[in-house]
Structures are given as structure tokens and as C-alpha cells.
Amino acid sequence: MSRNSFPWVEKFLESDNLKLKGIPDLVKSASSGLEIIDYKTGYIKDLKSFAIQMHIYLMLVNEISCQKVKILKIRDFSLQEKEIPIDKSIISQIQNFYQLL
């Protein structure tokens, strides 16, 4: 299987370049581009609490797949999905933080 064949299910991703690693629950190809979905066992009250985690996944998937993630979603135990907007300022914050390490 090619490293760019989707879906990726709980695939360990690591980038020495970015100094990041993570395991997104699901990365799939959609008509608009790549989509990352992370599953949570409870109700989702505050999407902001997952924003950094999801943007780290976005950065990893973008680099490793050489494709662009277009959608970030959280799916709770009732299968309701909520989208987290892609925010370039969060990506910059992550990059700045990990450059200091």
C-alpha cells in the first residue's frame, strides 16, 4: 500500500523536520481534499480545546502525504460532527513553539 493511499486509520505520523508526532483517528480523501476526523468519547462542549491537536495532525498529514488537508472534524460518541476551522495563526504558534525546542 502506498503511503498516500487513503484512508489512514490510526496511523502513527512523525516528522523530524516539524518535531511533531501524532496518531489521528482517521484521514480520508474527500471531494474537497483531505479530511481529518478525530473521535471523542463524550459530548463536545468546546472545540477550542481540540484546535492545537487537530492542527498538529494537519501539519503532519500535509507534510507526509504532500497533499493539503481541507477539513478538520471532531466526532463525538453520538456521531455528531463539528468542524474546527483551519487557522494559520495556530499553525504559526505551533511552529514557533517547536522551533524553540
C-alpha atoms as a PDB file:
ATOM      1  CA  MET A   1       0.000   0.000   0.000  1.00  0.00           C
ATOM      2  CA  SER A   2       1.324   3.429  -0.930  1.00  0.00           C
ATOM      3  CA  ARG A   3       1.919   5.863   1.901  1.00  0.00           C
ATOM      4  CA  ASN A   4      -0.518   8.206   0.138  1.00  0.00           C
ATOM      5  CA  SER A   5      -3.394   5.754  -0.238  1.00  0.00           C
ATOM      6  CA  PHE A   6      -6.296   6.686   1.963  1.00  0.00           C
ATOM      7  CA  PRO A   7      -7.955   6.193   4.357  1.00  0.00           C
ATOM      8  CA  TRP A   8      -5.321   6.237   7.069  1.00  0.00           C
ATOM      9  CA  VAL A   9      -6.766   4.759  10.257  1.00  0.00           C
ATOM     10  CA  GLU A  10      -4.861   5.423  13.489  1.00  0.00           C
ATOM     11  CA  LYS A  11      -1.628   5.768  11.519  1.00  0.00           C
ATOM     12  CA  PHE A  12       1.388   6.903  13.544  1.00  0.00           C
ATOM     13  CA  LEU A  13       2.801  10.052  11.945  1.00  0.00           C
ATOM     14  CA  GLU A  14       6.160  11.577  12.803  1.00  0.00           C
ATOM     15  CA  SER A  15       8.170  14.427  11.335  1.00  0.00           C
ATOM     16  CA  ASP A  16      11.731  15.176  12.385  1.00  0.00           C
ATOM     17  CA  ASN A  17      11.513  18.365  10.326  1.00  0.00           C
ATOM     18  CA  LEU A  18       8.464  19.630  12.249  1.00  0.00           C
ATOM     19  CA  LYS A  19       9.492  17.962  15.543  1.00  0.00           C
ATOM     20  CA  LEU A  20       5.940  16.615  15.789  1.00  0.00           C
ATOM     21  CA  LYS A  21       4.223  13.259  16.052  1.00  0.00           C
ATOM     22  CA  GLY A  22       0.663  12.083  16.466  1.00  0.00           C
ATOM     23  CA  ILE A  23      -1.964   9.492  15.636  1.00  0.00           C
ATOM     24  CA  PRO A  24      -5.076  10.941  14.001  1.00  0.00           C
ATOM     25  CA  ASP A  25      -8.051   8.593  14.193  1.00  0.00           C
ATOM     26  CA  LEU A  26      -8.972   8.938  10.517  1.00  0.00           C
ATOM     27  CA  VAL A  27      -7.527  10.712   7.472  1.00  0.00           C
ATOM     28  CA  LYS A  28      -9.626  10.290   4.373  1.00  0.00           C
ATOM     29  CA  SER A  29      -9.861  11.670   0.893  1.00  0.00           C
ATOM     30  CA  ALA A  30     -12.988  13.738   0.222  1.00  0.00           C
ATOM     31  CA  SER A  31     -14.160  15.647  -2.831  1.00  0.00           C
ATOM     32  CA  SER A  32     -12.797  18.896  -1.371  1.00  0.00           C
ATOM     33  CA  GLY A  33      -9.435  17.408  -0.327  1.00  0.00           C
ATOM     34  CA  LEU A  34      -8.109  15.556   2.691  1.00  0.00           C
ATOM     35  CA  GLU A  35     -10.214  15.409   5.829  1.00  0.00           C
ATOM     36  CA  ILE A  36      -9.057  14.563   9.351  1.00  0.00           C
ATOM     37  CA  ILE A  37     -11.616  13.193  11.795  1.00  0.00           C
ATOM     38  CA  ASP A  38     -10.853  12.616  15.463  1.00  0.00           C
ATOM     39  CA  TYR A  39     -13.244  10.643  17.646  1.00  0.00           C
ATOM     40  CA  LYS A  40     -14.090  11.680  21.204  1.00  0.00           C
ATOM     41  CA  THR A  41     -15.940   9.572  23.763  1.00  0.00           C
ATOM     42  CA  GLY A  42     -18.000  12.363  25.317  1.00  0.00           C
ATOM     43  CA  TYR A  43     -20.011  15.373  24.248  1.00  0.00           C
ATOM     44  CA  ILE A  44     -18.038  18.161  22.626  1.00  0.00           C
ATOM     45  CA  LYS A  45     -18.513  21.373  24.584  1.00  0.00           C
ATOM     46  CA  ASP A  46     -15.548  23.456  23.469  1.00  0.00           C
ATOM     47  CA  LEU A  47     -13.943  22.920  20.075  1.00  0.00           C
ATOM     48  CA  LYS A  48     -11.100  25.267  21.003  1.00  0.00           C
ATOM     49  CA  SER A  49      -9.741  22.648  23.394  1.00  0.00           C
ATOM     50  CA  PHE A  50      -9.007  20.387  20.402  1.00  0.00           C
ATOM     51  CA  ALA A  51      -7.703  23.046  17.989  1.00  0.00           C
ATOM     52  CA  ILE A  52      -3.981  22.606  18.676  1.00  0.00           C
ATOM     53  CA  GLN A  53      -4.183  18.809  18.500  1.00  0.00           C
ATOM     54  CA  MET A  54      -6.052  18.933  15.191  1.00  0.00           C
ATOM     55  CA  HIS A  55      -3.672  21.495  13.689  1.00  0.00           C
ATOM     56  CA  ILE A  56      -0.693  19.317  14.649  1.00  0.00           C
ATOM     57  CA  TYR A  57      -2.373  16.467  12.771  1.00  0.00           C
ATOM     58  CA  LEU A  58      -2.960  18.813   9.820  1.00  0.00           C
ATOM     59  CA  MET A  59       0.717  19.796   9.714  1.00  0.00           C
ATOM     60  CA  LEU A  60       1.847  16.170   9.882  1.00  0.00           C
ATOM     61  CA  VAL A  61      -0.558  14.967   7.203  1.00  0.00           C
ATOM     62  CA  ASN A  62       0.282  17.881   4.888  1.00  0.00           C
ATOM     63  CA  GLU A  63       3.998  17.126   5.126  1.00  0.00           C
ATOM     64  CA  ILE A  64       3.882  13.327   4.989  1.00  0.00           C
ATOM     65  CA  SER A  65       1.233  12.995   2.275  1.00  0.00           C
ATOM     66  CA  CYS A  66       2.365  16.022   0.215  1.00  0.00           C
ATOM     67  CA  GLN A  67      -1.339  16.884  -0.004  1.00  0.00           C
ATOM     68  CA  LYS A  68      -3.410  19.590   1.663  1.00  0.00           C
ATOM     69  CA  VAL A  69      -5.856  18.936   4.471  1.00  0.00           C
ATOM     70  CA  LYS A  70      -9.009  20.952   3.834  1.00  0.00           C
ATOM     71  CA  ILE A  71     -11.276  19.890   6.712  1.00  0.00           C
ATOM     72  CA  LEU A  72     -10.761  19.166  10.430  1.00  0.00           C
ATOM     73  CA  LYS A  73     -13.629  17.461  12.260  1.00  0.00           C
ATOM     74  CA  ILE A  74     -14.341  16.154  15.729  1.00  0.00           C
ATOM     75  CA  ARG A  75     -16.929  13.371  16.007  1.00  0.00           C
ATOM     76  CA  ASP A  76     -18.451  12.650  19.413  1.00  0.00           C
ATOM     77  CA  PHE A  77     -19.883   9.378  20.704  1.00  0.00           C
ATOM     78  CA  SER A  78     -23.335  10.240  19.307  1.00  0.00           C
ATOM     79  CA  LEU A  79     -21.668  10.547  15.857  1.00  0.00           C
ATOM     80  CA  GLN A  80     -22.296  14.284  15.652  1.00  0.00           C
ATOM     81  CA  GLU A  81     -19.522  16.005  13.738  1.00  0.00           C
ATOM     82  CA  LYS A  82     -18.262  19.504  14.370  1.00  0.00           C
ATOM     83  CA  GLU A  83     -15.770  21.249  12.147  1.00  0.00           C
ATOM     84  CA  ILE A  84     -12.741  23.073  13.504  1.00  0.00           C
ATOM     85  CA  PRO A  85     -11.781  25.975  11.232  1.00  0.00           C
ATOM     86  CA  ILE A  86      -8.243  25.806   9.870  1.00  0.00           C
ATOM     87  CA  ASP A  87      -6.405  28.718  11.435  1.00  0.00           C
ATOM     88  CA  LYS A  88      -2.999  29.812  10.117  1.00  0.00           C
ATOM     89  CA  SER A  89      -2.237  31.633  13.378  1.00  0.00           C
ATOM     90  CA  ILE A  90      -2.476  28.334  15.286  1.00  0.00           C
ATOM     91  CA  ILE A  91      -0.080  26.738  12.796  1.00  0.00           C
ATOM     92  CA  SER A  92       2.341  29.650  13.338  1.00  0.00           C
ATOM     93  CA  GLN A  93       2.080  29.273  17.123  1.00  0.00           C
ATOM     94  CA  ILE A  94       2.890  25.563  16.882  1.00  0.00           C
ATOM     95  CA  GLN A  95       5.828  26.199  14.542  1.00  0.00           C
ATOM     96  CA  ASN A  96       7.222  28.926  16.803  1.00  0.00           C
ATOM     97  CA  PHE A  97       6.888  26.783  19.911  1.00  0.00           C
ATOM     98  CA  TYR A  98       8.609  23.736  18.424  1.00  0.00           C
ATOM     99  CA  GLN A  99      11.420  25.813  16.888  1.00  0.00           C
ATOM    100  CA  LEU A 100      12.377  26.795  20.424  1.00  0.00           C
ATOM    101  CA  LEU A 101      12.897  23.167  21.475  1.00  0.00           C
END
